[in-house]
Amino acid sequence: MSIDRSLKIKGALSRHRNVLSRAERVEQLIEEERWSEGDSLLGLPKVAHRKSHAGRKDKDDIDKEAETEAVAGDETPKAE
């Protein structure tokens, strides 16, 4: 029997997963300060796990870049 394509790739497990393990959920809850040591590990609250988008810029960052380019464009000497 052949091995599935997804299992052959070295970094296959590093991709985004929708479901977190219990330990990962507890870590996330600790970071959000929603879990303490005495709480039960059973019946944990839901944890939003969003896929991060590397390389995307916020609207504020785009506006700042546009402003700096406009200012830089005004300061360059014009050859006449």
PDB file of N, CA and C in Angstrom:
ATOM      1  N   MET A   1       0.837  -1.165   0.000  1.00  0.00           N
ATOM      2  CA  MET A   1       0.000   0.000   0.000  1.00  0.00           C
ATOM      3  C   MET A   1       0.894   1.244   0.000  1.00  0.00           C
ATOM      4  N   SER A   2       0.500   2.290  -0.713  1.00  0.00           N
ATOM      5  CA  SER A   2       1.321   3.489  -0.820  1.00  0.00           C
ATOM      6  C   SER A   2       1.030   4.466   0.322  1.00  0.00           C
ATOM      7  N   ILE A   3       1.982   5.357   0.562  1.00  0.00           N
ATOM      8  CA  ILE A   3       1.852   6.368   1.601  1.00  0.00           C
ATOM      9  C   ILE A   3       1.153   7.586   1.005  1.00  0.00           C
ATOM     10  N   ASP A   4       0.249   8.174   1.767  1.00  0.00           N
ATOM     11  CA  ASP A   4      -0.472   9.351   1.308  1.00  0.00           C
ATOM     12  C   ASP A   4       0.499  10.510   1.068  1.00  0.00           C
ATOM     13  N   ARG A   5       0.201  11.353   0.088  1.00  0.00           N
ATOM     14  CA  ARG A   5       1.081  12.481  -0.265  1.00  0.00           C
ATOM     15  C   ARG A   5       1.323  13.415   0.912  1.00  0.00           C
ATOM     16  N   SER A   6       0.296  13.675   1.699  1.00  0.00           N
ATOM     17  CA  SER A   6       0.429  14.623   2.804  1.00  0.00           C
ATOM     18  C   SER A   6       1.380  14.125   3.882  1.00  0.00           C
ATOM     19  N   LEU A   7       1.606  12.819   3.959  1.00  0.00           N
ATOM     20  CA  LEU A   7       2.501  12.270   4.976  1.00  0.00           C
ATOM     21  C   LEU A   7       3.951  12.253   4.532  1.00  0.00           C
ATOM     22  N   LYS A   8       4.204  12.414   3.252  1.00  0.00           N
ATOM     23  CA  LYS A   8       5.566  12.381   2.735  1.00  0.00           C
ATOM     24  C   LYS A   8       6.299  13.700   2.952  1.00  0.00           C
ATOM     25  N   ILE A   9       5.575  14.792   3.016  1.00  0.00           N
ATOM     26  CA  ILE A   9       6.184  16.112   3.121  1.00  0.00           C
ATOM     27  C   ILE A   9       6.752  16.317   4.528  1.00  0.00           C
ATOM     28  N   LYS A  10       7.968  16.834   4.582  1.00  0.00           N
ATOM     29  CA  LYS A  10       8.641  17.021   5.870  1.00  0.00           C
ATOM     30  C   LYS A  10       7.888  18.017   6.755  1.00  0.00           C
ATOM     31  N   GLY A  11       7.428  19.125   6.189  1.00  0.00           N
ATOM     32  CA  GLY A  11       6.768  20.161   6.978  1.00  0.00           C
ATOM     33  C   GLY A  11       5.260  20.053   6.960  1.00  0.00           C
ATOM     34  N   ALA A  12       4.714  18.870   6.727  1.00  0.00           N
ATOM     35  CA  ALA A  12       3.266  18.715   6.623  1.00  0.00           C
ATOM     36  C   ALA A  12       2.558  19.061   7.924  1.00  0.00           C
ATOM     37  N   LEU A  13       3.192  18.798   9.054  1.00  0.00           N
ATOM     38  CA  LEU A  13       2.547  19.073  10.327  1.00  0.00           C
ATOM     39  C   LEU A  13       2.707  20.522  10.769  1.00  0.00           C
ATOM     40  N   SER A  14       3.466  21.318  10.046  1.00  0.00           N
ATOM     41  CA  SER A  14       3.664  22.702  10.428  1.00  0.00           C
ATOM     42  C   SER A  14       2.611  23.617   9.829  1.00  0.00           C
ATOM     43  N   ARG A  15       1.702  23.074   9.026  1.00  0.00           N
ATOM     44  CA  ARG A  15       0.666  23.910   8.422  1.00  0.00           C
ATOM     45  C   ARG A  15      -0.408  24.238   9.449  1.00  0.00           C
ATOM     46  N   HIS A  16      -1.301  25.133   9.069  1.00  0.00           N
ATOM     47  CA  HIS A  16      -2.363  25.580   9.965  1.00  0.00           C
ATOM     48  C   HIS A  16      -3.344  24.448  10.246  1.00  0.00           C
ATOM     49  N   ARG A  17      -3.663  24.271  11.527  1.00  0.00           N
ATOM     50  CA  ARG A  17      -4.642  23.269  11.934  1.00  0.00           C
ATOM     51  C   ARG A  17      -5.818  23.972  12.586  1.00  0.00           C
ATOM     52  N   ASN A  18      -7.016  23.506  12.325  1.00  0.00           N
ATOM     53  CA  ASN A  18      -8.206  24.106  12.916  1.00  0.00           C
ATOM     54  C   ASN A  18      -8.438  23.643  14.345  1.00  0.00           C
ATOM     55  N   VAL A  19      -7.967  22.465  14.691  1.00  0.00           N
ATOM     56  CA  VAL A  19      -8.222  21.896  16.012  1.00  0.00           C
ATOM     57  C   VAL A  19      -6.942  21.914  16.829  1.00  0.00           C
ATOM     58  N   LEU A  20      -7.032  22.440  18.050  1.00  0.00           N
ATOM     59  CA  LEU A  20      -5.875  22.484  18.935  1.00  0.00           C
ATOM     60  C   LEU A  20      -5.938  21.320  19.915  1.00  0.00           C
ATOM     61  N   SER A  21      -4.784  20.863  20.351  1.00  0.00           N
ATOM     62  CA  SER A  21      -4.742  19.836  21.391  1.00  0.00           C
ATOM     63  C   SER A  21      -5.115  20.488  22.728  1.00  0.00           C
ATOM     64  N   ARG A  22      -5.397  19.686  23.719  1.00  0.00           N
ATOM     65  CA  ARG A  22      -5.781  20.220  25.030  1.00  0.00           C
ATOM     66  C   ARG A  22      -4.660  21.084  25.610  1.00  0.00           C
ATOM     67  N   ALA A  23      -3.424  20.644  25.458  1.00  0.00           N
ATOM     68  CA  ALA A  23      -2.289  21.412  25.984  1.00  0.00           C
ATOM     69  C   ALA A  23      -2.176  22.763  25.283  1.00  0.00           C
ATOM     70  N   GLU A  24      -2.395  22.778  23.974  1.00  0.00           N
ATOM     71  CA  GLU A  24      -2.335  24.039  23.226  1.00  0.00           C
ATOM     72  C   GLU A  24      -3.469  24.973  23.646  1.00  0.00           C
ATOM     73  N   ARG A  25      -4.641  24.404  23.903  1.00  0.00           N
ATOM     74  CA  ARG A  25      -5.767  25.226  24.355  1.00  0.00           C
ATOM     75  C   ARG A  25      -5.482  25.827  25.725  1.00  0.00           C
ATOM     76  N   VAL A  26      -4.888  25.036  26.631  1.00  0.00           N
ATOM     77  CA  VAL A  26      -4.563  25.550  27.962  1.00  0.00           C
ATOM     78  C   VAL A  26      -3.526  26.662  27.852  1.00  0.00           C
ATOM     79  N   GLU A  27      -2.511  26.485  27.007  1.00  0.00           N
ATOM     80  CA  GLU A  27      -1.503  27.531  26.803  1.00  0.00           C
ATOM     81  C   GLU A  27      -2.149  28.820  26.316  1.00  0.00           C
ATOM     82  N   GLN A  28      -3.070  28.698  25.363  1.00  0.00           N
ATOM     83  CA  GLN A  28      -3.755  29.870  24.817  1.00  0.00           C
ATOM     84  C   GLN A  28      -4.589  30.553  25.903  1.00  0.00           C
ATOM     85  N   LEU A  29      -5.273  29.758  26.722  1.00  0.00           N
ATOM     86  CA  LEU A  29      -6.093  30.320  27.799  1.00  0.00           C
ATOM     87  C   LEU A  29      -5.225  31.010  28.845  1.00  0.00           C
ATOM     88  N   ILE A  30      -4.053  30.456  29.139  1.00  0.00           N
ATOM     89  CA  ILE A  30      -3.138  31.085  30.096  1.00  0.00           C
ATOM     90  C   ILE A  30      -2.663  32.427  29.562  1.00  0.00           C
ATOM     91  N   GLU A  31      -2.330  32.480  28.265  1.00  0.00           N
ATOM     92  CA  GLU A  31      -1.900  33.745  27.656  1.00  0.00           C
ATOM     93  C   GLU A  31      -2.999  34.796  27.728  1.00  0.00           C
ATOM     94  N   GLU A  32      -4.257  34.368  27.555  1.00  0.00           N
ATOM     95  CA  GLU A  32      -5.393  35.285  27.604  1.00  0.00           C
ATOM     96  C   GLU A  32      -5.881  35.520  29.028  1.00  0.00           C
ATOM     97  N   GLU A  33      -5.210  34.890  30.007  1.00  0.00           N
ATOM     98  CA  GLU A  33      -5.550  35.000  31.424  1.00  0.00           C
ATOM     99  C   GLU A  33      -6.988  34.567  31.691  1.00  0.00           C
ATOM    100  N   ARG A  34      -7.418  33.477  31.047  1.00  0.00           N
ATOM    101  CA  ARG A  34      -8.761  32.937  31.225  1.00  0.00           C
ATOM    102  C   ARG A  34      -8.731  31.590  31.930  1.00  0.00           C
ATOM    103  N   TRP A  35      -7.553  31.146  32.380  1.00  0.00           N
ATOM    104  CA  TRP A  35      -7.423  29.842  33.033  1.00  0.00           C
ATOM    105  C   TRP A  35      -6.431  29.957  34.171  1.00  0.00           C
ATOM    106  N   SER A  36      -6.726  29.308  35.284  1.00  0.00           N
ATOM    107  CA  SER A  36      -5.796  29.301  36.417  1.00  0.00           C
ATOM    108  C   SER A  36      -5.484  27.859  36.783  1.00  0.00           C
ATOM    109  N   GLU A  37      -4.523  27.653  37.657  1.00  0.00           N
ATOM    110  CA  GLU A  37      -4.041  26.319  38.013  1.00  0.00           C
ATOM    111  C   GLU A  37      -5.123  25.403  38.570  1.00  0.00           C
ATOM    112  N   GLY A  38      -6.056  25.919  39.335  1.00  0.00           N
ATOM    113  CA  GLY A  38      -7.065  25.086  39.971  1.00  0.00           C
ATOM    114  C   GLY A  38      -8.199  24.651  39.059  1.00  0.00           C
ATOM    115  N   ASP A  39      -8.302  25.219  37.860  1.00  0.00           N
ATOM    116  CA  ASP A  39      -9.399  24.904  36.948  1.00  0.00           C
ATOM    117  C   ASP A  39      -9.270  23.493  36.400  1.00  0.00           C
ATOM    118  N   SER A  40     -10.408  22.917  36.047  1.00  0.00           N
ATOM    119  CA  SER A  40     -10.440  21.564  35.506  1.00  0.00           C
ATOM    120  C   SER A  40      -9.949  21.542  34.056  1.00  0.00           C
ATOM    121  N   LEU A  41      -9.306  20.445  33.684  1.00  0.00           N
ATOM    122  CA  LEU A  41      -8.863  20.286  32.301  1.00  0.00           C
ATOM    123  C   LEU A  41      -9.984  19.786  31.395  1.00  0.00           C
ATOM    124  N   LEU A  42     -11.070  19.365  32.010  1.00  0.00           N
ATOM    125  CA  LEU A  42     -12.214  18.887  31.237  1.00  0.00           C
ATOM    126  C   LEU A  42     -13.197  20.032  31.025  1.00  0.00           C
ATOM    127  N   GLY A  43     -13.781  20.101  29.860  1.00  0.00           N
ATOM    128  CA  GLY A  43     -14.762  21.139  29.569  1.00  0.00           C
ATOM    129  C   GLY A  43     -14.138  22.506  29.413  1.00  0.00           C
ATOM    130  N   LEU A  44     -12.987  22.565  28.757  1.00  0.00           N
ATOM    131  CA  LEU A  44     -12.327  23.850  28.546  1.00  0.00           C
ATOM    132  C   LEU A  44     -13.174  24.732  27.637  1.00  0.00           C
ATOM    133  N   PRO A  45     -13.118  26.047  27.836  1.00  0.00           N
ATOM    134  CA  PRO A  45     -13.854  26.938  26.931  1.00  0.00           C
ATOM    135  C   PRO A  45     -13.221  26.941  25.544  1.00  0.00           C
ATOM    136  N   LYS A  46     -14.009  27.381  24.569  1.00  0.00           N
ATOM    137  CA  LYS A  46     -13.514  27.432  23.196  1.00  0.00           C
ATOM    138  C   LYS A  46     -12.415  28.478  23.088  1.00  0.00           C
ATOM    139  N   VAL A  47     -11.473  28.215  22.195  1.00  0.00           N
ATOM    140  CA  VAL A  47     -10.358  29.126  21.961  1.00  0.00           C
ATOM    141  C   VAL A  47     -10.314  29.429  20.475  1.00  0.00           C
ATOM    142  N   ALA A  48     -10.363  30.698  20.134  1.00  0.00           N
ATOM    143  CA  ALA A  48     -10.276  31.094  18.727  1.00  0.00           C
ATOM    144  C   ALA A  48      -8.838  30.930  18.263  1.00  0.00           C
ATOM    145  N   HIS A  49      -8.659  30.166  17.234  1.00  0.00           N
ATOM    146  CA  HIS A  49      -7.320  29.916  16.686  1.00  0.00           C
ATOM    147  C   HIS A  49      -7.333  30.392  15.243  1.00  0.00           C
ATOM    148  N   ARG A  50      -6.862  31.586  15.017  1.00  0.00           N
ATOM    149  CA  ARG A  50      -6.906  32.195  13.698  1.00  0.00           C
ATOM    150  C   ARG A  50      -5.610  31.956  12.958  1.00  0.00           C
ATOM    151  N   LYS A  51      -5.723  31.788  11.678  1.00  0.00           N
ATOM    152  CA  LYS A  51      -4.551  31.620  10.835  1.00  0.00           C
ATOM    153  C   LYS A  51      -3.905  32.983  10.651  1.00  0.00           C
ATOM    154  N   SER A  52      -2.618  33.069  10.945  1.00  0.00           N
ATOM    155  CA  SER A  52      -1.925  34.335  10.769  1.00  0.00           C
ATOM    156  C   SER A  52      -1.538  34.490   9.309  1.00  0.00           C
ATOM    157  N   HIS A  53      -1.615  35.694   8.834  1.00  0.00           N
ATOM    158  CA  HIS A  53      -1.290  35.972   7.440  1.00  0.00           C
ATOM    159  C   HIS A  53       0.040  36.703   7.400  1.00  0.00           C
ATOM    160  N   ALA A  54       1.083  35.993   7.111  1.00  0.00           N
ATOM    161  CA  ALA A  54       2.412  36.586   7.064  1.00  0.00           C
ATOM    162  C   ALA A  54       2.517  37.487   5.843  1.00  0.00           C
ATOM    163  N   GLY A  55       3.100  38.633   6.032  1.00  0.00           N
ATOM    164  CA  GLY A  55       3.338  39.533   4.914  1.00  0.00           C
ATOM    165  C   GLY A  55       2.226  40.528   4.677  1.00  0.00           C
ATOM    166  N   ARG A  56       1.085  40.382   5.315  1.00  0.00           N
ATOM    167  CA  ARG A  56       0.007  41.350   5.142  1.00  0.00           C
ATOM    168  C   ARG A  56       0.303  42.578   5.968  1.00  0.00           C
ATOM    169  N   LYS A  57      -0.154  43.726   5.464  1.00  0.00           N
ATOM    170  CA  LYS A  57       0.041  44.970   6.178  1.00  0.00           C
ATOM    171  C   LYS A  57      -1.313  45.507   6.611  1.00  0.00           C
ATOM    172  N   ASP A  58      -1.331  46.127   7.777  1.00  0.00           N
ATOM    173  CA  ASP A  58      -2.548  46.753   8.261  1.00  0.00           C
ATOM    174  C   ASP A  58      -2.818  48.016   7.451  1.00  0.00           C
ATOM    175  N   LYS A  59      -4.052  48.465   7.503  1.00  0.00           N
ATOM    176  CA  LYS A  59      -4.420  49.676   6.784  1.00  0.00           C
ATOM    177  C   LYS A  59      -3.624  50.865   7.302  1.00  0.00           C
ATOM    178  N   ASP A  60      -3.391  50.922   8.618  1.00  0.00           N
ATOM    179  CA  ASP A  60      -2.621  52.020   9.201  1.00  0.00           C
ATOM    180  C   ASP A  60      -1.196  52.042   8.655  1.00  0.00           C
ATOM    181  N   ASP A  61      -0.580  50.861   8.512  1.00  0.00           N
ATOM    182  CA  ASP A  61       0.776  50.789   7.979  1.00  0.00           C
ATOM    183  C   ASP A  61       0.830  51.278   6.537  1.00  0.00           C
ATOM    184  N   ILE A  62      -0.174  50.942   5.752  1.00  0.00           N
ATOM    185  CA  ILE A  62      -0.220  51.374   4.356  1.00  0.00           C
ATOM    186  C   ILE A  62      -0.372  52.880   4.286  1.00  0.00           C
ATOM    187  N   ASP A  63      -1.222  53.454   5.144  1.00  0.00           N
ATOM    188  CA  ASP A  63      -1.415  54.902   5.169  1.00  0.00           C
ATOM    189  C   ASP A  63      -0.127  55.619   5.570  1.00  0.00           C
ATOM    190  N   LYS A  64       0.592  55.074   6.568  1.00  0.00           N
ATOM    191  CA  LYS A  64       1.848  55.680   7.003  1.00  0.00           C
ATOM    192  C   LYS A  64       2.886  55.669   5.888  1.00  0.00           C
ATOM    193  N   GLU A  65       2.958  54.550   5.156  1.00  0.00           N
ATOM    194  CA  GLU A  65       3.908  54.468   4.053  1.00  0.00           C
ATOM    195  C   GLU A  65       3.568  55.469   2.964  1.00  0.00           C
ATOM    196  N   ALA A  66       2.279  55.640   2.683  1.00  0.00           N
ATOM    197  CA  ALA A  66       1.858  56.600   1.659  1.00  0.00           C
ATOM    198  C   ALA A  66       2.229  58.018   2.081  1.00  0.00           C
ATOM    199  N   GLU A  67       2.066  58.330   3.371  1.00  0.00           N
ATOM    200  CA  GLU A  67       2.416  59.657   3.875  1.00  0.00           C
ATOM    201  C   GLU A  67       3.921  59.897   3.780  1.00  0.00           C
ATOM    202  N   THR A  68       4.719  58.915   4.151  1.00  0.00           N
ATOM    203  CA  THR A  68       6.168  59.095   4.107  1.00  0.00           C
ATOM    204  C   THR A  68       6.664  59.217   2.668  1.00  0.00           C
ATOM    205  N   GLU A  69       6.029  58.498   1.742  1.00  0.00           N
ATOM    206  CA  GLU A  69       6.413  58.626   0.340  1.00  0.00           C
ATOM    207  C   GLU A  69       6.035  59.993  -0.208  1.00  0.00           C
ATOM    208  N   ALA A  70       4.875  60.510   0.218  1.00  0.00           N
ATOM    209  CA  ALA A  70       4.445  61.832  -0.241  1.00  0.00           C
ATOM    210  C   ALA A  70       5.387  62.907   0.297  1.00  0.00           C
ATOM    211  N   VAL A  71       5.779  62.787   1.561  1.00  0.00           N
ATOM    212  CA  VAL A  71       6.699  63.750   2.160  1.00  0.00           C
ATOM    213  C   VAL A  71       8.066  63.641   1.495  1.00  0.00           C
ATOM    214  N   ALA A  72       8.525  62.437   1.258  1.00  0.00           N
ATOM    215  CA  ALA A  72       9.823  62.242   0.622  1.00  0.00           C
ATOM    216  C   ALA A  72       9.809  62.767  -0.813  1.00  0.00           C
ATOM    217  N   GLY A  73       8.685  62.636  -1.480  1.00  0.00           N
ATOM    218  CA  GLY A  73       8.564  63.130  -2.850  1.00  0.00           C
ATOM    219  C   GLY A  73       8.599  64.644  -2.905  1.00  0.00           C
ATOM    220  N   ASP A  74       8.092  65.345  -1.887  1.00  0.00           N
ATOM    221  CA  ASP A  74       8.094  66.807  -1.829  1.00  0.00           C
ATOM    222  C   ASP A  74       9.486  67.348  -1.546  1.00  0.00           C
ATOM    223  N   GLU A  75      10.310  66.615  -0.848  1.00  0.00           N
ATOM    224  CA  GLU A  75      11.630  67.096  -0.447  1.00  0.00           C
ATOM    225  C   GLU A  75      12.709  66.897  -1.506  1.00  0.00           C
ATOM    226  N   THR A  76      12.471  66.075  -2.492  1.00  0.00           N
ATOM    227  CA  THR A  76      13.497  65.833  -3.503  1.00  0.00           C
ATOM    228  C   THR A  76      13.648  67.048  -4.390  1.00  0.00           C
ATOM    229  N   PRO A  77      14.871  67.489  -4.631  1.00  0.00           N
ATOM    230  CA  PRO A  77      15.069  68.662  -5.471  1.00  0.00           C
ATOM    231  C   PRO A  77      14.692  68.362  -6.918  1.00  0.00           C
ATOM    232  N   LYS A  78      14.068  69.326  -7.567  1.00  0.00           N
ATOM    233  CA  LYS A  78      13.651  69.149  -8.940  1.00  0.00           C
ATOM    234  C   LYS A  78      14.706  69.753  -9.852  1.00  0.00           C
ATOM    235  N   ALA A  79      15.056  69.018 -10.877  1.00  0.00           N
ATOM    236  CA  ALA A  79      16.048  69.511 -11.856  1.00  0.00           C
ATOM    237  C   ALA A  79      15.317  70.305 -12.919  1.00  0.00           C
ATOM    238  N   GLU A  80      15.753  71.588 -13.089  1.00  0.00           N
ATOM    239  CA  GLU A  80      15.102  72.427 -14.092  1.00  0.00           C
ATOM    240  C   GLU A  80      16.072  72.808 -15.159  1.00  0.00           C
TER     241      GLU A  80
END
